[in-house]
C-alpha atoms as a PDB file:
ATOM      1  CA  MET A   1     -25.727 -12.750 -11.863  1.00  0.00           C
ATOM      2  CA  THR A   2     -24.645 -11.106  -8.599  1.00  0.00           C
ATOM      3  CA  LYS A   3     -23.599  -7.463  -8.577  1.00  0.00           C
ATOM      4  CA  PRO A   4     -20.970  -6.215  -6.127  1.00  0.00           C
ATOM      5  CA  THR A   5     -22.516  -4.132  -3.344  1.00  0.00           C
ATOM      6  CA  GLU A   6     -19.689  -1.618  -3.221  1.00  0.00           C
ATOM      7  CA  ALA A   7     -17.162  -0.235  -5.677  1.00  0.00           C
ATOM      8  CA  GLY A   8     -14.024  -2.322  -5.902  1.00  0.00           C
ATOM      9  CA  ALA A   9     -15.567  -5.357  -4.213  1.00  0.00           C
ATOM     10  CA  SER A  10     -14.156  -7.578  -6.943  1.00  0.00           C
ATOM     11  CA  ALA A  11     -10.647  -6.144  -6.547  1.00  0.00           C
ATOM     12  CA  PRO A  12      -8.048  -8.449  -4.983  1.00  0.00           C
ATOM     13  CA  GLU A  13      -7.622  -8.344  -1.210  1.00  0.00           C
ATOM     14  CA  PHE A  14      -3.836  -8.196  -1.565  1.00  0.00           C
ATOM     15  CA  LEU A  15      -2.031  -5.891  -4.001  1.00  0.00           C
ATOM     16  CA  THR A  16       1.403  -6.077  -5.545  1.00  0.00           C
ATOM     17  CA  VAL A  17       3.732  -3.112  -5.111  1.00  0.00           C
ATOM     18  CA  ASP A  18       2.983  -1.986  -8.671  1.00  0.00           C
ATOM     19  CA  GLU A  19      -0.794  -2.167  -8.072  1.00  0.00           C
ATOM     20  CA  ALA A  20      -0.520  -0.295  -4.757  1.00  0.00           C
ATOM     21  CA  ALA A  21       1.710   2.374  -6.321  1.00  0.00           C
ATOM     22  CA  ALA A  22      -0.815   2.880  -9.118  1.00  0.00           C
ATOM     23  CA  LEU A  23      -3.655   3.102  -6.575  1.00  0.00           C
ATOM     24  CA  LEU A  24      -1.781   5.736  -4.544  1.00  0.00           C
ATOM     25  CA  ARG A  25      -0.458   7.441  -7.700  1.00  0.00           C
ATOM     26  CA  VAL A  26       3.142   7.313  -6.524  1.00  0.00           C
ATOM     27  CA  ASN A  27       6.314   5.920  -8.018  1.00  0.00           C
ATOM     28  CA  ARG A  28       7.007   2.302  -7.057  1.00  0.00           C
ATOM     29  CA  LYS A  29      10.424   3.367  -5.693  1.00  0.00           C
ATOM     30  CA  THR A  30       8.619   5.667  -3.268  1.00  0.00           C
ATOM     31  CA  LEU A  31       6.473   2.761  -2.127  1.00  0.00           C
ATOM     32  CA  TYR A  32       9.508   0.509  -1.674  1.00  0.00           C
ATOM     33  CA  GLU A  33      11.109   3.226   0.463  1.00  0.00           C
ATOM     34  CA  LEU A  34       7.981   3.484   2.629  1.00  0.00           C
ATOM     35  CA  ILE A  35       8.066  -0.292   3.052  1.00  0.00           C
ATOM     36  CA  ARG A  36      11.771  -0.243   3.934  1.00  0.00           C
ATOM     37  CA  LEU A  37      11.157   2.446   6.564  1.00  0.00           C
ATOM     38  CA  THR A  38       8.112   0.481   7.870  1.00  0.00           C
ATOM     39  CA  GLN A  39       5.872   3.522   7.315  1.00  0.00           C
ATOM     40  CA  LEU A  40       3.326   1.700   5.155  1.00  0.00           C
ATOM     41  CA  PRO A  41       0.710  -0.395   6.977  1.00  0.00           C
ATOM     42  CA  GLY A  42      -0.615  -3.740   5.767  1.00  0.00           C
ATOM     43  CA  VAL A  43       2.652  -4.982   4.251  1.00  0.00           C
ATOM     44  CA  ILE A  44       3.088  -8.744   4.143  1.00  0.00           C
ATOM     45  CA  HIS A  45       6.304 -10.474   3.098  1.00  0.00           C
ATOM     46  CA  ILE A  46       5.810 -13.873   1.500  1.00  0.00           C
ATOM     47  CA  GLY A  47       9.247 -15.199   0.733  1.00  0.00           C
ATOM     48  CA  ARG A  48      10.760 -12.603  -1.582  1.00  0.00           C
ATOM     49  CA  SER A  49       7.339 -11.252  -2.586  1.00  0.00           C
ATOM     50  CA  ILE A  50       5.645  -8.263  -1.018  1.00  0.00           C
ATOM     51  CA  ARG A  51       1.883  -7.913  -0.835  1.00  0.00           C
ATOM     52  CA  ILE A  52      -0.131  -5.045   0.626  1.00  0.00           C
ATOM     53  CA  ARG A  53      -3.614  -5.388   2.113  1.00  0.00           C
ATOM     54  CA  ARG A  54      -5.967  -3.295  -0.038  1.00  0.00           C
ATOM     55  CA  ASP A  55      -8.388  -2.374   2.767  1.00  0.00           C
ATOM     56  CA  THR A  56      -5.560  -1.261   5.071  1.00  0.00           C
ATOM     57  CA  LEU A  57      -3.985   0.792   2.298  1.00  0.00           C
ATOM     58  CA  LEU A  58      -7.276   2.525   1.484  1.00  0.00           C
ATOM     59  CA  ALA A  59      -7.872   3.345   5.172  1.00  0.00           C
ATOM     60  CA  TRP A  60      -4.318   4.659   5.640  1.00  0.00           C
ATOM     61  CA  GLN A  61      -4.040   8.414   6.128  1.00  0.00           C
ATOM     62  CA  PRO A  62      -0.403   9.454   5.934  1.00  0.00           C
ATOM     63  CA  GLY A  63       0.305  12.590   7.873  1.00  0.00           C
ATOM     64  CA  ASN A  64       3.139  14.904   8.687  1.00  0.00           C
ATOM     65  CA  GLY A  65       3.917  13.171  11.972  1.00  0.00           C
ATOM     66  CA  GLY A  66       7.064  11.427  10.775  1.00  0.00           C
ATOM     67  CA  PRO A  67      10.220  12.370   8.944  1.00  0.00           C
ATOM     68  CA  ALA A  68      10.220  12.818   5.181  1.00  0.00           C
ATOM     69  CA  LEU A  69      11.375   9.880   3.093  1.00  0.00           C
ATOM     70  CA  GLY A  70      15.100   9.360   3.473  1.00  0.00           C
ATOM     71  CA  GLU A  71      15.300  11.843   6.341  1.00  0.00           C
ATOM     72  CA  ASN A  72      16.625  10.791   9.755  1.00  0.00           C
ATOM     73  CA  ARG A  73      15.016  12.198  12.831  1.00  0.00           C
END
């Protein structure tokens, strides 16, 4: 039996919005708003489905460089 070399190695490469929201500990509506504003990296649209690259999401470091959600700048 092979053991994963790093934590989460068996996790899926692409996450659903619900899975990504749980990983980031945010409400799924917040995540949908980030996607709508194109502030979330690694988002892939497949038809009507949205998937988010796990490795990109984990490497993402949101900062205070942009406007707050729903705020126009």
